[in-house]
Amino acid sequence: MKKHIMVIDDCYETAKLLATSLQNTFSFHVKYHTNPFKAIEDIKTLALLGDDKLYIICDYMMPQMDGIELYDEISILDKNISFILLTNENDSQVIEEAARKGIDLFLLKQQGFDVIINQINKIINDDSTLGHELIEVFEVTDIVRGFKIVEKGFGHLKLITKEEIPRNAIIKIGTGSNDNDIYRVNSCKIVNDKIEVDCSLLTSEAPARHLRAA
């Protein structure tokens, strides 16, 4: 399978920097665009043979159209595409819409460049997705009868639960106030007769002061 990468960001410096970093990380060519309409035309004319795949890393907030609108335009094409959305927006409604539409991965720019490259590397190597059958963000208590947080760090969470949670499920967990963090389930396995669920943070509904500017 031949893999292709395309970066779409209205900021030229960001698009070029990300594309160059990805070019250095992988052994295949990386294109980038600052105009989403030109990107769409390029995608339409791109010849993907057999099981060839195109990975698109797209900014959410762009003046011509947002990243989800761009996804809507290309999702109707008969092409093998994985779509990764980058954003400064700390908005659970955006990520819920992204998951509902089948966008493969949602990354906050505030996470830092190294984290973003690492997550993109994982999805390209693992070909893991959010799971296109998911249609909403679930409250974790709607899926399992009980859970216990046994490990929590920056962007990472481990739970012990009474029932299994599907890999790539999107779950919302309260932090003890009115705020909620939204996680993606990376793995669910039985360890010493206990169900361990390993999750990575997608976004937080905590006040913006907890986040550093990108």
N, C-alpha and C. Protein backbone atom coordinates (compact mmCIF):
# COMPACT_ATOMS: atom_id res chain seq x y z
N MET A 1 0.84 -1.20 0.00
CA MET A 1 0.00 0.00 0.00
C MET A 1 0.88 1.25 0.00
N LYS A 2 0.62 2.13 -0.93
CA LYS A 2 1.33 3.41 -0.98
C LYS A 2 0.54 4.45 -0.19
N LYS A 3 1.24 5.20 0.66
CA LYS A 3 0.59 6.20 1.50
C LYS A 3 0.98 7.61 1.07
N HIS A 4 -0.01 8.50 1.12
CA HIS A 4 0.19 9.91 0.78
C HIS A 4 -0.27 10.76 1.96
N ILE A 5 0.37 11.92 2.14
CA ILE A 5 -0.03 12.85 3.20
C ILE A 5 -0.25 14.22 2.58
N MET A 6 -1.32 14.89 3.04
CA MET A 6 -1.58 16.26 2.63
C MET A 6 -1.92 17.10 3.86
N VAL A 7 -1.24 18.23 4.00
CA VAL A 7 -1.50 19.18 5.09
C VAL A 7 -2.27 20.36 4.53
N ILE A 8 -3.35 20.75 5.23
CA ILE A 8 -4.16 21.89 4.80
C ILE A 8 -4.29 22.85 5.97
N ASP A 9 -3.73 24.04 5.83
CA ASP A 9 -3.79 25.07 6.88
C ASP A 9 -3.65 26.42 6.21
N ASP A 10 -4.53 27.36 6.56
CA ASP A 10 -4.48 28.68 5.91
C ASP A 10 -3.24 29.47 6.30
N CYS A 11 -2.56 29.07 7.37
CA CYS A 11 -1.30 29.72 7.76
C CYS A 11 -0.15 29.04 7.02
N TYR A 12 0.52 29.78 6.15
CA TYR A 12 1.58 29.21 5.32
C TYR A 12 2.70 28.63 6.17
N GLU A 13 3.11 29.36 7.20
CA GLU A 13 4.23 28.90 8.04
C GLU A 13 3.89 27.58 8.73
N THR A 14 2.66 27.48 9.26
CA THR A 14 2.25 26.25 9.94
C THR A 14 2.18 25.09 8.97
N ALA A 15 1.56 25.32 7.81
CA ALA A 15 1.42 24.25 6.81
C ALA A 15 2.78 23.74 6.35
N LYS A 16 3.69 24.66 6.05
CA LYS A 16 5.01 24.26 5.57
C LYS A 16 5.81 23.54 6.65
N LEU A 17 5.76 24.07 7.89
CA LEU A 17 6.51 23.46 8.99
C LEU A 17 6.01 22.05 9.28
N LEU A 18 4.69 21.88 9.33
CA LEU A 18 4.13 20.55 9.60
C LEU A 18 4.44 19.59 8.47
N ALA A 19 4.30 20.06 7.23
CA ALA A 19 4.58 19.20 6.08
C ALA A 19 6.05 18.78 6.06
N THR A 20 6.94 19.71 6.36
CA THR A 20 8.37 19.40 6.37
C THR A 20 8.70 18.39 7.47
N SER A 21 8.10 18.57 8.64
CA SER A 21 8.34 17.64 9.74
C SER A 21 7.83 16.24 9.41
N LEU A 22 6.66 16.17 8.79
CA LEU A 22 6.11 14.87 8.39
C LEU A 22 6.94 14.24 7.28
N GLN A 23 7.43 15.08 6.37
CA GLN A 23 8.30 14.58 5.29
C GLN A 23 9.56 13.94 5.87
N ASN A 24 10.09 14.56 6.93
CA ASN A 24 11.29 14.02 7.58
C ASN A 24 11.00 12.77 8.40
N THR A 25 9.75 12.63 8.85
CA THR A 25 9.36 11.48 9.67
C THR A 25 9.07 10.25 8.84
N PHE A 26 8.43 10.46 7.68
CA PHE A 26 8.02 9.35 6.84
C PHE A 26 8.82 9.33 5.54
N SER A 27 8.73 8.23 4.85
CA SER A 27 9.53 8.05 3.63
C SER A 27 8.75 8.38 2.37
N PHE A 28 7.60 9.02 2.50
CA PHE A 28 6.82 9.32 1.32
C PHE A 28 6.52 10.82 1.25
N HIS A 29 6.15 11.26 0.06
CA HIS A 29 6.00 12.69 -0.22
C HIS A 29 4.81 13.29 0.54
N VAL A 30 5.00 14.52 1.02
CA VAL A 30 3.96 15.24 1.74
C VAL A 30 3.65 16.54 1.00
N LYS A 31 2.39 16.71 0.63
CA LYS A 31 1.95 17.96 0.01
C LYS A 31 1.34 18.87 1.06
N TYR A 32 1.28 20.17 0.76
CA TYR A 32 0.55 21.07 1.65
C TYR A 32 -0.14 22.16 0.84
N HIS A 33 -1.27 22.62 1.40
CA HIS A 33 -2.07 23.69 0.78
C HIS A 33 -2.49 24.69 1.84
N THR A 34 -2.60 25.95 1.43
CA THR A 34 -3.15 26.99 2.31
C THR A 34 -4.56 27.39 1.88
N ASN A 35 -4.98 26.93 0.72
CA ASN A 35 -6.32 27.22 0.21
C ASN A 35 -7.12 25.91 0.15
N PRO A 36 -8.18 25.78 0.94
CA PRO A 36 -8.92 24.52 0.97
C PRO A 36 -9.57 24.15 -0.36
N PHE A 37 -9.95 25.15 -1.16
CA PHE A 37 -10.58 24.85 -2.46
C PHE A 37 -9.55 24.23 -3.41
N LYS A 38 -8.31 24.73 -3.38
CA LYS A 38 -7.27 24.13 -4.20
C LYS A 38 -6.92 22.74 -3.70
N ALA A 39 -6.99 22.55 -2.37
CA ALA A 39 -6.73 21.23 -1.80
C ALA A 39 -7.77 20.23 -2.29
N ILE A 40 -9.03 20.64 -2.31
CA ILE A 40 -10.11 19.75 -2.77
C ILE A 40 -9.88 19.35 -4.22
N GLU A 41 -9.51 20.32 -5.07
CA GLU A 41 -9.24 20.01 -6.47
C GLU A 41 -8.08 19.05 -6.62
N ASP A 42 -7.05 19.25 -5.79
CA ASP A 42 -5.89 18.36 -5.82
C ASP A 42 -6.29 16.94 -5.40
N ILE A 43 -7.13 16.84 -4.38
CA ILE A 43 -7.59 15.53 -3.90
C ILE A 43 -8.41 14.82 -4.98
N LYS A 44 -9.23 15.58 -5.68
CA LYS A 44 -10.07 14.99 -6.73
C LYS A 44 -9.23 14.38 -7.84
N THR A 45 -8.10 15.01 -8.15
CA THR A 45 -7.27 14.55 -9.27
C THR A 45 -6.20 13.55 -8.84
N LEU A 46 -6.05 13.34 -7.53
CA LEU A 46 -5.03 12.41 -7.04
C LEU A 46 -5.42 10.98 -7.37
N ALA A 47 -4.53 10.28 -8.04
CA ALA A 47 -4.79 8.89 -8.42
C ALA A 47 -4.34 7.96 -7.31
N LEU A 48 -5.30 7.30 -6.65
CA LEU A 48 -5.00 6.30 -5.63
C LEU A 48 -5.27 4.92 -6.22
N LEU A 49 -4.25 4.09 -6.23
CA LEU A 49 -4.37 2.78 -6.85
C LEU A 49 -4.54 1.70 -5.80
N GLY A 50 -5.46 0.76 -6.06
CA GLY A 50 -5.65 -0.38 -5.16
C GLY A 50 -5.96 0.06 -3.75
N ASP A 51 -5.10 -0.33 -2.81
CA ASP A 51 -5.32 0.02 -1.41
C ASP A 51 -4.49 1.24 -0.97
N ASP A 52 -4.03 2.05 -1.94
CA ASP A 52 -3.33 3.29 -1.61
C ASP A 52 -4.21 4.15 -0.70
N LYS A 53 -3.57 4.93 0.17
CA LYS A 53 -4.34 5.73 1.12
C LYS A 53 -3.78 7.14 1.22
N LEU A 54 -4.70 8.11 1.38
CA LEU A 54 -4.35 9.51 1.58
C LEU A 54 -4.69 9.92 3.00
N TYR A 55 -3.72 10.47 3.71
CA TYR A 55 -3.92 11.00 5.06
C TYR A 55 -3.94 12.51 4.99
N ILE A 56 -5.05 13.10 5.42
CA ILE A 56 -5.20 14.56 5.37
C ILE A 56 -5.12 15.11 6.79
N ILE A 57 -4.23 16.06 7.00
CA ILE A 57 -4.13 16.77 8.28
C ILE A 57 -4.60 18.19 8.02
N CYS A 58 -5.75 18.55 8.60
CA CYS A 58 -6.42 19.79 8.21
C CYS A 58 -6.73 20.66 9.43
N ASP A 59 -6.46 21.95 9.28
CA ASP A 59 -6.83 22.92 10.31
C ASP A 59 -8.35 23.05 10.36
N TYR A 60 -8.89 23.28 11.55
CA TYR A 60 -10.34 23.44 11.66
C TYR A 60 -10.79 24.84 11.24
N MET A 61 -10.18 25.88 11.79
CA MET A 61 -10.64 27.25 11.55
C MET A 61 -9.88 27.88 10.39
N MET A 62 -10.54 27.97 9.23
CA MET A 62 -9.97 28.62 8.06
C MET A 62 -10.99 29.60 7.50
N PRO A 63 -10.55 30.70 6.89
CA PRO A 63 -11.50 31.73 6.44
C PRO A 63 -12.44 31.28 5.34
N GLN A 64 -11.96 30.42 4.41
CA GLN A 64 -12.80 30.02 3.28
C GLN A 64 -13.85 28.99 3.68
N MET A 65 -13.46 28.03 4.50
CA MET A 65 -14.37 27.00 5.02
C MET A 65 -13.67 26.34 6.20
N ASP A 66 -14.45 25.79 7.14
CA ASP A 66 -13.78 25.14 8.26
C ASP A 66 -13.42 23.70 7.89
N GLY A 67 -12.65 23.06 8.75
CA GLY A 67 -12.15 21.73 8.45
C GLY A 67 -13.24 20.68 8.31
N ILE A 68 -14.31 20.82 9.08
CA ILE A 68 -15.41 19.85 8.98
C ILE A 68 -16.16 20.04 7.66
N GLU A 69 -16.32 21.28 7.22
CA GLU A 69 -16.94 21.53 5.92
C GLU A 69 -16.09 20.94 4.80
N LEU A 70 -14.77 21.05 4.94
CA LEU A 70 -13.88 20.46 3.93
C LEU A 70 -14.01 18.94 3.93
N TYR A 71 -14.12 18.36 5.13
CA TYR A 71 -14.31 16.91 5.23
C TYR A 71 -15.59 16.50 4.52
N ASP A 72 -16.66 17.27 4.69
CA ASP A 72 -17.92 16.97 4.02
C ASP A 72 -17.74 16.94 2.50
N GLU A 73 -16.91 17.86 1.98
CA GLU A 73 -16.70 17.94 0.53
C GLU A 73 -15.97 16.72 -0.01
N ILE A 74 -14.98 16.23 0.75
CA ILE A 74 -14.16 15.13 0.22
C ILE A 74 -14.69 13.75 0.62
N SER A 75 -15.57 13.70 1.62
CA SER A 75 -16.06 12.39 2.09
C SER A 75 -16.95 11.72 1.04
N ILE A 76 -17.47 12.50 0.11
CA ILE A 76 -18.32 11.93 -0.94
C ILE A 76 -17.50 11.35 -2.08
N LEU A 77 -16.19 11.62 -2.08
CA LEU A 77 -15.33 11.10 -3.13
C LEU A 77 -15.05 9.61 -2.87
N ASP A 78 -14.92 8.88 -3.93
CA ASP A 78 -14.65 7.44 -3.81
C ASP A 78 -13.15 7.23 -3.67
N LYS A 79 -12.62 7.67 -2.51
CA LYS A 79 -11.18 7.56 -2.27
C LYS A 79 -10.93 7.05 -0.86
N ASN A 80 -9.83 6.37 -0.69
CA ASN A 80 -9.43 5.82 0.61
C ASN A 80 -8.70 6.91 1.39
N ILE A 81 -9.42 7.59 2.29
CA ILE A 81 -8.89 8.77 2.98
C ILE A 81 -9.07 8.64 4.48
N SER A 82 -8.04 9.01 5.23
CA SER A 82 -8.16 9.22 6.68
C SER A 82 -7.98 10.71 6.94
N PHE A 83 -8.80 11.24 7.84
CA PHE A 83 -8.85 12.69 8.04
C PHE A 83 -8.53 13.03 9.49
N ILE A 84 -7.52 13.87 9.69
CA ILE A 84 -7.09 14.32 11.01
C ILE A 84 -7.35 15.81 11.13
N LEU A 85 -8.08 16.22 12.16
CA LEU A 85 -8.48 17.61 12.34
C LEU A 85 -7.63 18.27 13.43
N LEU A 86 -7.01 19.40 13.09
CA LEU A 86 -6.24 20.19 14.05
C LEU A 86 -6.99 21.46 14.39
N THR A 87 -6.97 21.86 15.65
CA THR A 87 -7.71 23.07 16.02
C THR A 87 -7.16 23.72 17.27
N ASN A 88 -7.41 25.01 17.39
CA ASN A 88 -7.18 25.75 18.63
C ASN A 88 -8.44 25.78 19.47
N GLU A 89 -9.56 25.34 18.88
CA GLU A 89 -10.85 25.43 19.55
C GLU A 89 -10.99 24.37 20.63
N ASN A 90 -11.26 24.81 21.86
CA ASN A 90 -11.47 23.88 22.97
C ASN A 90 -12.98 23.70 23.16
N ASP A 91 -13.61 23.03 22.19
CA ASP A 91 -15.07 22.99 22.11
C ASP A 91 -15.52 21.54 21.94
N SER A 92 -16.23 21.02 22.95
CA SER A 92 -16.67 19.63 22.88
C SER A 92 -17.69 19.42 21.76
N GLN A 93 -18.43 20.45 21.38
CA GLN A 93 -19.41 20.30 20.30
C GLN A 93 -18.71 20.05 18.96
N VAL A 94 -17.54 20.68 18.79
CA VAL A 94 -16.77 20.47 17.56
C VAL A 94 -16.29 19.03 17.49
N ILE A 95 -15.74 18.52 18.59
CA ILE A 95 -15.24 17.15 18.57
C ILE A 95 -16.37 16.14 18.45
N GLU A 96 -17.54 16.44 19.04
CA GLU A 96 -18.68 15.53 18.91
C GLU A 96 -19.15 15.48 17.46
N GLU A 97 -19.17 16.63 16.80
CA GLU A 97 -19.55 16.65 15.39
C GLU A 97 -18.53 15.91 14.55
N ALA A 98 -17.24 16.09 14.88
CA ALA A 98 -16.17 15.39 14.15
C ALA A 98 -16.32 13.87 14.29
N ALA A 99 -16.57 13.40 15.52
CA ALA A 99 -16.73 11.96 15.74
C ALA A 99 -17.98 11.43 15.04
N ARG A 100 -19.06 12.21 15.08
CA ARG A 100 -20.32 11.78 14.47
C ARG A 100 -20.18 11.64 12.96
N LYS A 101 -19.39 12.51 12.35
CA LYS A 101 -19.22 12.48 10.90
C LYS A 101 -18.22 11.42 10.45
N GLY A 102 -17.40 10.92 11.39
CA GLY A 102 -16.43 9.88 11.04
C GLY A 102 -15.02 10.38 10.84
N ILE A 103 -14.72 11.61 11.29
CA ILE A 103 -13.35 12.11 11.22
C ILE A 103 -12.48 11.24 12.12
N ASP A 104 -11.30 10.86 11.62
CA ASP A 104 -10.50 9.82 12.26
C ASP A 104 -9.79 10.25 13.52
N LEU A 105 -9.35 11.49 13.60
CA LEU A 105 -8.61 11.92 14.78
C LEU A 105 -8.77 13.43 14.94
N PHE A 106 -8.83 13.85 16.20
CA PHE A 106 -9.02 15.26 16.55
C PHE A 106 -7.88 15.64 17.49
N LEU A 107 -7.06 16.64 17.09
CA LEU A 107 -5.91 17.04 17.90
C LEU A 107 -5.95 18.53 18.20
N LEU A 108 -5.69 18.87 19.46
CA LEU A 108 -5.58 20.27 19.85
C LEU A 108 -4.17 20.78 19.58
N LYS A 109 -4.06 21.94 18.95
CA LYS A 109 -2.75 22.52 18.69
C LYS A 109 -2.02 22.84 20.00
N GLN A 110 -2.79 23.10 21.06
CA GLN A 110 -2.18 23.42 22.35
C GLN A 110 -1.37 22.26 22.92
N GLN A 111 -1.60 21.04 22.40
CA GLN A 111 -0.86 19.88 22.90
C GLN A 111 0.62 19.96 22.58
N GLY A 112 0.98 20.79 21.64
CA GLY A 112 2.39 20.93 21.27
C GLY A 112 2.74 20.15 20.02
N PHE A 113 3.75 20.64 19.33
CA PHE A 113 4.12 20.09 18.02
C PHE A 113 4.57 18.64 18.13
N ASP A 114 5.37 18.31 19.15
CA ASP A 114 5.89 16.94 19.27
C ASP A 114 4.75 15.95 19.49
N VAL A 115 3.75 16.32 20.31
CA VAL A 115 2.61 15.44 20.57
C VAL A 115 1.81 15.24 19.29
N ILE A 116 1.61 16.31 18.54
CA ILE A 116 0.84 16.22 17.30
C ILE A 116 1.53 15.27 16.31
N ILE A 117 2.83 15.44 16.13
CA ILE A 117 3.58 14.57 15.21
C ILE A 117 3.50 13.12 15.68
N ASN A 118 3.62 12.90 16.98
CA ASN A 118 3.56 11.54 17.53
C ASN A 118 2.21 10.89 17.29
N GLN A 119 1.11 11.66 17.48
CA GLN A 119 -0.22 11.11 17.27
C GLN A 119 -0.48 10.82 15.79
N ILE A 120 0.00 11.70 14.92
CA ILE A 120 -0.14 11.46 13.49
C ILE A 120 0.65 10.22 13.09
N ASN A 121 1.82 10.08 13.66
CA ASN A 121 2.66 8.90 13.40
C ASN A 121 1.93 7.62 13.79
N LYS A 122 1.24 7.65 14.95
CA LYS A 122 0.50 6.47 15.41
C LYS A 122 -0.61 6.09 14.45
N ILE A 123 -1.39 7.09 14.02
CA ILE A 123 -2.53 6.75 13.17
C ILE A 123 -2.08 6.26 11.80
N ILE A 124 -0.96 6.79 11.31
CA ILE A 124 -0.48 6.34 10.01
C ILE A 124 0.11 4.93 10.10
N ASN A 125 0.80 4.66 11.20
CA ASN A 125 1.39 3.33 11.36
C ASN A 125 0.36 2.28 11.79
N ASP A 126 -0.57 2.69 12.68
CA ASP A 126 -1.57 1.74 13.19
C ASP A 126 -2.82 1.70 12.33
N ASP A 127 -3.02 2.78 11.55
CA ASP A 127 -4.25 2.93 10.77
C ASP A 127 -5.46 2.87 11.69
N SER A 128 -5.32 3.36 12.94
CA SER A 128 -6.43 3.37 13.89
C SER A 128 -7.31 4.59 13.64
N THR A 129 -8.59 4.45 13.89
CA THR A 129 -9.54 5.54 13.67
C THR A 129 -10.44 5.68 14.87
N LEU A 130 -11.22 6.76 14.86
CA LEU A 130 -12.18 6.97 15.93
C LEU A 130 -13.33 5.97 15.85
N GLY A 131 -13.49 5.34 14.72
CA GLY A 131 -14.60 4.40 14.57
C GLY A 131 -15.79 5.11 13.96
N HIS A 132 -16.01 4.91 12.67
CA HIS A 132 -17.04 5.66 11.97
C HIS A 132 -18.45 5.30 12.40
N GLU A 133 -18.60 4.21 13.18
CA GLU A 133 -19.94 3.85 13.62
C GLU A 133 -20.38 4.66 14.83
N LEU A 134 -19.46 5.39 15.46
CA LEU A 134 -19.82 6.18 16.64
C LEU A 134 -20.60 7.42 16.21
N ILE A 135 -21.67 7.74 16.93
CA ILE A 135 -22.51 8.86 16.52
C ILE A 135 -22.61 9.93 17.59
N GLU A 136 -21.96 9.72 18.73
CA GLU A 136 -22.04 10.72 19.78
C GLU A 136 -20.92 10.52 20.79
N VAL A 137 -20.76 11.53 21.62
CA VAL A 137 -19.85 11.42 22.75
C VAL A 137 -20.64 10.87 23.93
N PHE A 138 -20.19 9.76 24.50
CA PHE A 138 -20.92 9.10 25.57
C PHE A 138 -20.44 9.55 26.94
N GLU A 139 -21.37 9.78 27.85
CA GLU A 139 -21.01 9.87 29.26
C GLU A 139 -20.54 8.47 29.67
N VAL A 140 -19.40 8.39 30.36
CA VAL A 140 -18.87 7.07 30.68
C VAL A 140 -19.86 6.26 31.52
N THR A 141 -20.65 6.94 32.33
CA THR A 141 -21.64 6.23 33.17
C THR A 141 -22.79 5.66 32.35
N ASP A 142 -22.93 6.10 31.09
CA ASP A 142 -23.94 5.52 30.22
C ASP A 142 -23.47 4.19 29.63
N ILE A 143 -22.16 3.93 29.69
CA ILE A 143 -21.60 2.72 29.09
C ILE A 143 -21.34 1.65 30.14
N VAL A 144 -20.81 2.06 31.29
CA VAL A 144 -20.46 1.10 32.34
C VAL A 144 -21.16 1.46 33.63
N ARG A 145 -21.41 0.46 34.47
CA ARG A 145 -22.11 0.68 35.74
C ARG A 145 -21.21 1.33 36.78
N GLY A 146 -19.92 1.11 36.66
CA GLY A 146 -19.01 1.69 37.65
C GLY A 146 -17.60 1.75 37.10
N PHE A 147 -16.85 2.74 37.55
CA PHE A 147 -15.47 2.85 37.12
C PHE A 147 -14.66 3.55 38.21
N LYS A 148 -13.35 3.34 38.15
CA LYS A 148 -12.44 3.98 39.09
C LYS A 148 -11.23 4.49 38.32
N ILE A 149 -10.87 5.75 38.54
CA ILE A 149 -9.69 6.32 37.91
C ILE A 149 -8.46 5.87 38.71
N VAL A 150 -7.57 5.14 38.06
CA VAL A 150 -6.39 4.63 38.77
C VAL A 150 -5.11 5.36 38.35
N GLU A 151 -5.18 6.08 37.25
CA GLU A 151 -4.00 6.81 36.79
C GLU A 151 -4.45 7.98 35.92
N LYS A 152 -3.92 9.15 36.18
CA LYS A 152 -4.29 10.32 35.39
C LYS A 152 -3.08 11.23 35.27
N GLY A 153 -2.73 11.56 34.04
CA GLY A 153 -1.62 12.47 33.77
C GLY A 153 -2.01 13.41 32.67
N PHE A 154 -1.06 14.20 32.21
CA PHE A 154 -1.36 15.15 31.14
C PHE A 154 -1.72 14.41 29.86
N GLY A 155 -2.97 14.50 29.47
CA GLY A 155 -3.43 13.87 28.23
C GLY A 155 -3.66 12.37 28.32
N HIS A 156 -3.58 11.80 29.54
CA HIS A 156 -3.69 10.35 29.67
C HIS A 156 -4.57 9.99 30.85
N LEU A 157 -5.31 8.88 30.70
CA LEU A 157 -6.20 8.42 31.77
C LEU A 157 -6.30 6.90 31.73
N LYS A 158 -6.27 6.27 32.91
CA LYS A 158 -6.48 4.83 33.00
C LYS A 158 -7.61 4.57 33.99
N LEU A 159 -8.57 3.74 33.55
CA LEU A 159 -9.73 3.40 34.37
C LEU A 159 -9.75 1.91 34.67
N ILE A 160 -10.35 1.56 35.80
CA ILE A 160 -10.78 0.19 36.08
C ILE A 160 -12.30 0.20 36.00
N THR A 161 -12.88 -0.65 35.16
CA THR A 161 -14.32 -0.64 34.97
C THR A 161 -14.91 -2.04 35.21
N LYS A 162 -16.22 -2.10 35.30
CA LYS A 162 -16.92 -3.37 35.48
C LYS A 162 -17.31 -4.00 34.15
N GLU A 163 -17.35 -3.19 33.09
CA GLU A 163 -17.65 -3.71 31.76
C GLU A 163 -16.60 -3.18 30.78
N GLU A 164 -16.50 -3.86 29.66
CA GLU A 164 -15.57 -3.42 28.62
C GLU A 164 -16.12 -2.20 27.90
N ILE A 165 -15.24 -1.34 27.44
CA ILE A 165 -15.59 -0.18 26.62
C ILE A 165 -14.93 -0.37 25.27
N PRO A 166 -15.65 -0.22 24.17
CA PRO A 166 -15.06 -0.46 22.84
C PRO A 166 -13.88 0.45 22.57
N ARG A 167 -12.85 -0.11 21.93
CA ARG A 167 -11.71 0.69 21.50
C ARG A 167 -12.17 1.78 20.54
N ASN A 168 -11.63 2.99 20.70
CA ASN A 168 -11.94 4.17 19.89
C ASN A 168 -13.26 4.82 20.27
N ALA A 169 -13.94 4.31 21.32
CA ALA A 169 -15.13 5.01 21.81
C ALA A 169 -14.72 6.38 22.36
N ILE A 170 -15.62 7.34 22.26
CA ILE A 170 -15.37 8.69 22.77
C ILE A 170 -16.19 8.84 24.04
N ILE A 171 -15.51 9.11 25.17
CA ILE A 171 -16.21 9.16 26.45
C ILE A 171 -15.96 10.50 27.15
N LYS A 172 -16.95 10.92 27.90
CA LYS A 172 -16.88 12.18 28.64
C LYS A 172 -16.87 11.85 30.13
N ILE A 173 -15.91 12.42 30.85
CA ILE A 173 -15.76 12.13 32.27
C ILE A 173 -15.70 13.44 33.04
N GLY A 174 -16.56 13.59 34.04
CA GLY A 174 -16.56 14.78 34.88
C GLY A 174 -15.31 14.85 35.73
N THR A 175 -14.86 16.08 36.02
CA THR A 175 -13.63 16.27 36.79
C THR A 175 -13.91 16.69 38.22
N GLY A 176 -15.16 16.57 38.65
CA GLY A 176 -15.50 16.94 40.03
C GLY A 176 -16.14 18.29 40.15
N SER A 177 -16.23 19.03 39.05
CA SER A 177 -16.94 20.32 39.02
C SER A 177 -17.93 20.25 37.89
N ASN A 178 -18.19 21.38 37.25
CA ASN A 178 -19.10 21.37 36.11
C ASN A 178 -18.36 21.08 34.81
N ASP A 179 -17.05 20.88 34.90
CA ASP A 179 -16.24 20.66 33.72
C ASP A 179 -16.21 19.17 33.37
N ASN A 180 -16.00 18.88 32.09
CA ASN A 180 -15.87 17.51 31.63
C ASN A 180 -14.70 17.41 30.68
N ASP A 181 -13.96 16.30 30.78
CA ASP A 181 -12.90 16.01 29.83
C ASP A 181 -13.40 14.94 28.88
N ILE A 182 -12.97 15.02 27.63
CA ILE A 182 -13.39 14.07 26.61
C ILE A 182 -12.17 13.25 26.19
N TYR A 183 -12.31 11.93 26.25
CA TYR A 183 -11.21 11.01 25.97
C TYR A 183 -11.58 10.04 24.86
N ARG A 184 -10.54 9.54 24.19
CA ARG A 184 -10.71 8.44 23.24
C ARG A 184 -10.11 7.18 23.88
N VAL A 185 -10.84 6.07 23.79
CA VAL A 185 -10.36 4.81 24.37
C VAL A 185 -9.33 4.19 23.43
N ASN A 186 -8.11 4.02 23.94
CA ASN A 186 -7.03 3.43 23.15
C ASN A 186 -7.02 1.91 23.25
N SER A 187 -7.31 1.39 24.44
CA SER A 187 -7.30 -0.06 24.62
C SER A 187 -8.17 -0.43 25.80
N CYS A 188 -8.65 -1.67 25.78
CA CYS A 188 -9.46 -2.21 26.87
C CYS A 188 -9.07 -3.66 27.02
N LYS A 189 -8.50 -4.01 28.18
CA LYS A 189 -7.99 -5.37 28.35
C LYS A 189 -8.18 -5.83 29.78
N ILE A 190 -8.17 -7.13 29.95
CA ILE A 190 -8.32 -7.73 31.28
C ILE A 190 -6.92 -7.98 31.86
N VAL A 191 -6.67 -7.40 33.03
CA VAL A 191 -5.39 -7.55 33.72
C VAL A 191 -5.69 -7.96 35.16
N ASN A 192 -5.20 -9.14 35.55
CA ASN A 192 -5.43 -9.64 36.91
C ASN A 192 -6.92 -9.62 37.28
N ASP A 193 -7.74 -10.13 36.36
CA ASP A 193 -9.19 -10.23 36.55
C ASP A 193 -9.88 -8.87 36.66
N LYS A 194 -9.20 -7.81 36.25
CA LYS A 194 -9.80 -6.47 36.22
C LYS A 194 -9.77 -5.94 34.79
N ILE A 195 -10.77 -5.13 34.46
CA ILE A 195 -10.82 -4.53 33.13
C ILE A 195 -10.14 -3.17 33.19
N GLU A 196 -9.01 -3.04 32.48
CA GLU A 196 -8.27 -1.78 32.42
C GLU A 196 -8.57 -1.09 31.10
N VAL A 197 -8.93 0.19 31.19
CA VAL A 197 -9.25 0.98 30.01
C VAL A 197 -8.26 2.14 29.94
N ASP A 198 -7.47 2.17 28.88
CA ASP A 198 -6.47 3.21 28.69
C ASP A 198 -7.00 4.24 27.70
N CYS A 199 -6.95 5.52 28.09
CA CYS A 199 -7.56 6.58 27.28
C CYS A 199 -6.58 7.72 27.06
N SER A 200 -6.80 8.47 25.96
CA SER A 200 -6.03 9.68 25.71
C SER A 200 -6.99 10.87 25.60
N LEU A 201 -6.56 12.00 26.12
CA LEU A 201 -7.39 13.19 26.15
C LEU A 201 -7.56 13.77 24.76
N LEU A 202 -8.81 14.04 24.39
CA LEU A 202 -9.09 14.72 23.13
C LEU A 202 -9.29 16.20 23.35
N THR A 203 -10.12 16.55 24.33
CA THR A 203 -10.33 17.96 24.64
C THR A 203 -10.94 18.07 26.03
N SER A 204 -10.94 19.29 26.54
CA SER A 204 -11.43 19.54 27.89
C SER A 204 -12.42 20.69 27.86
N GLU A 205 -13.46 20.58 28.70
CA GLU A 205 -14.42 21.67 28.83
C GLU A 205 -14.07 22.58 30.00
N ALA A 206 -12.85 22.41 30.53
CA ALA A 206 -12.39 23.30 31.60
C ALA A 206 -12.18 24.70 31.04
N PRO A 207 -12.20 25.74 31.88
CA PRO A 207 -12.01 27.10 31.39
C PRO A 207 -10.71 27.24 30.63
N ALA A 208 -10.72 28.14 29.66
CA ALA A 208 -9.59 28.31 28.76
C ALA A 208 -8.30 28.70 29.49
N ARG A 209 -8.39 29.26 30.70
CA ARG A 209 -7.17 29.68 31.39
C ARG A 209 -6.27 28.49 31.72
N HIS A 210 -6.80 27.28 31.67
CA HIS A 210 -5.99 26.11 31.95
C HIS A 210 -5.14 25.71 30.76
N LEU A 211 -5.36 26.32 29.61
CA LEU A 211 -4.66 25.97 28.40
C LEU A 211 -3.68 27.05 28.00
N ARG A 212 -2.54 26.65 27.47
CA ARG A 212 -1.60 27.63 26.95
C ARG A 212 -1.94 27.93 25.50
N ALA A 213 -1.69 29.12 25.10
CA ALA A 213 -1.96 29.50 23.72
C ALA A 213 -1.00 28.74 22.81
N ALA A 214 -1.50 28.42 21.62
CA ALA A 214 -0.67 27.67 20.66
C ALA A 214 0.44 28.55 20.13
